């Protein structure tokens, strides 16, 4: 599977799409116009090992809803990611059964290596 979950209004996502030089066979999904399904999120969870790893604690709603002051469970993280797209840490790139979450330098470099090691 080769899939890139992103937000087209996110400048960082747009920059990474260009920087990663994604192959033509990567399926792009804008999570705002085409929301995640339960099945897609569960597939991400299987690769990442936790819903918390997929959850963005930088989302404005995280602070506005007072979630940062609560002890959230894996079930809570899953619920919030499915409830509102901004809770997914972006971008999420799945490439040949490997998952790359977020935009840290380390993650971007690992994704680049995975793409270009063919």
Protein backbone atom coordinates (compact mmCIF):
# COMPACT_ATOMS: atom_id res chain seq x y z
CA UNK A 1 0.00 0.00 0.00
CA UNK A 2 1.21 3.47 -0.86
CA UNK A 3 -0.96 6.18 0.65
CA UNK A 4 -0.40 9.77 1.75
CA UNK A 5 -2.91 11.28 4.19
CA UNK A 6 -2.65 15.05 4.32
CA UNK A 7 -4.51 18.34 4.53
CA UNK A 8 -4.33 20.35 1.30
CA UNK A 9 -4.59 23.64 3.22
CA UNK A 10 -1.54 22.73 5.32
CA UNK A 11 1.62 24.42 4.04
CA UNK A 12 3.83 21.81 5.72
CA UNK A 13 1.99 18.96 4.00
CA UNK A 14 2.30 20.72 0.63
CA UNK A 15 6.03 21.32 1.19
CA UNK A 16 6.57 17.66 2.11
CA UNK A 17 4.68 16.40 -0.95
CA UNK A 18 7.19 18.30 -3.09
CA UNK A 19 10.21 17.45 -0.95
CA UNK A 20 9.49 13.71 -0.84
CA UNK A 21 9.05 13.46 -4.62
CA UNK A 22 6.27 10.90 -4.16
CA UNK A 23 6.00 8.18 -6.81
CA UNK A 24 3.01 8.43 -9.17
CA UNK A 25 1.38 5.33 -7.69
CA UNK A 26 0.95 6.90 -4.23
CA UNK A 27 -2.74 7.49 -3.48
CA UNK A 28 -3.33 10.97 -2.03
CA UNK A 29 -6.15 11.55 0.46
CA UNK A 30 -7.09 15.02 1.72
CA UNK A 31 -8.52 14.16 5.15
CA UNK A 32 -10.77 17.22 5.24
CA UNK A 33 -12.66 16.55 2.01
CA UNK A 34 -12.32 12.75 2.26
CA UNK A 35 -12.43 11.85 6.00
CA UNK A 36 -10.68 8.82 7.42
CA UNK A 37 -12.69 5.65 7.77
CA UNK A 38 -12.56 3.42 10.85
CA UNK A 39 -10.86 0.77 8.70
CA UNK A 40 -8.16 3.21 7.51
CA UNK A 41 -7.44 4.40 11.04
CA UNK A 42 -7.27 0.81 12.31
CA UNK A 43 -4.79 -0.02 9.53
CA UNK A 44 -2.64 2.95 10.62
CA UNK A 45 -2.89 1.75 14.23
CA UNK A 46 -1.70 -1.70 13.22
CA UNK A 47 1.43 -0.21 11.64
CA UNK A 48 2.14 2.43 14.30
CA UNK A 49 1.28 0.42 17.40
CA UNK A 50 -0.86 3.10 19.05
CA UNK A 51 -3.53 5.68 18.41
CA UNK A 52 -1.62 8.15 20.55
CA UNK A 53 1.25 8.09 18.02
CA UNK A 54 -1.27 9.20 15.38
CA UNK A 55 -2.82 11.90 17.56
CA UNK A 56 -1.81 15.54 17.21
CA UNK A 57 -1.43 17.28 20.56
CA UNK A 58 -0.73 20.48 18.63
CA UNK A 59 -4.31 20.72 17.33
CA UNK A 60 -6.12 23.87 18.46
CA UNK A 61 -9.12 21.78 19.52
CA UNK A 62 -6.89 19.76 21.87
CA UNK A 63 -6.43 22.84 24.06
CA UNK A 64 -9.88 24.35 23.43
CA UNK A 65 -11.65 21.16 24.53
CA UNK A 66 -9.47 20.86 27.62
CA UNK A 67 -8.12 17.49 26.47
CA UNK A 68 -4.58 18.34 27.53
CA UNK A 69 -5.77 18.28 31.14
CA UNK A 70 -7.29 14.82 30.82
CA UNK A 71 -5.75 11.36 30.88
CA UNK A 72 -6.78 10.06 27.48
CA UNK A 73 -6.93 6.35 26.70
CA UNK A 74 -6.19 4.68 23.36
CA UNK A 75 -9.97 4.47 22.86
CA UNK A 76 -10.21 8.24 23.42
CA UNK A 77 -7.42 8.98 20.92
CA UNK A 78 -9.17 6.83 18.31
CA UNK A 79 -12.52 8.52 18.98
CA UNK A 80 -11.15 12.06 18.64
CA UNK A 81 -9.16 11.29 15.46
CA UNK A 82 -12.32 9.92 13.85
CA UNK A 83 -14.43 12.79 15.19
CA UNK A 84 -12.33 15.62 13.73
CA UNK A 85 -9.59 15.53 11.08
CA UNK A 86 -7.36 18.04 12.91
CA UNK A 87 -6.59 15.43 15.56
CA UNK A 88 -4.62 13.31 13.07
CA UNK A 89 -0.92 14.12 13.21
CA UNK A 90 -0.05 15.12 9.66
CA UNK A 91 1.00 13.96 7.26
CA UNK A 92 0.71 10.19 7.53
CA UNK A 93 2.51 8.31 4.80
CA UNK A 94 2.14 4.56 4.39
CA UNK A 95 4.67 3.03 2.07
CA UNK A 96 4.97 -0.72 1.61
CA UNK A 97 3.82 -1.64 5.13
CA UNK A 98 5.89 1.10 6.78
CA UNK A 99 4.28 4.15 8.35
CA UNK A 100 5.73 7.64 8.65
CA UNK A 101 3.83 9.99 10.96
CA UNK A 102 4.31 13.73 11.20
CA UNK A 103 6.87 16.11 9.78
CA UNK A 104 9.96 15.83 11.95
CA UNK A 105 13.27 15.90 10.08
CA UNK A 106 13.97 12.32 11.16
CA UNK A 107 10.60 11.09 9.86
CA UNK A 108 10.95 12.93 6.54
CA UNK A 109 14.47 11.53 6.00
CA UNK A 110 13.29 7.99 6.78
CA UNK A 111 10.41 8.38 4.31
CA UNK A 112 12.79 9.68 1.61
CA UNK A 113 15.08 6.69 2.15
CA UNK A 114 12.16 4.25 1.91
CA UNK A 115 10.97 5.79 -1.36
CA UNK A 116 14.37 5.90 -2.99
CA UNK A 117 15.79 2.52 -1.90
CA UNK A 118 14.11 0.79 -4.84
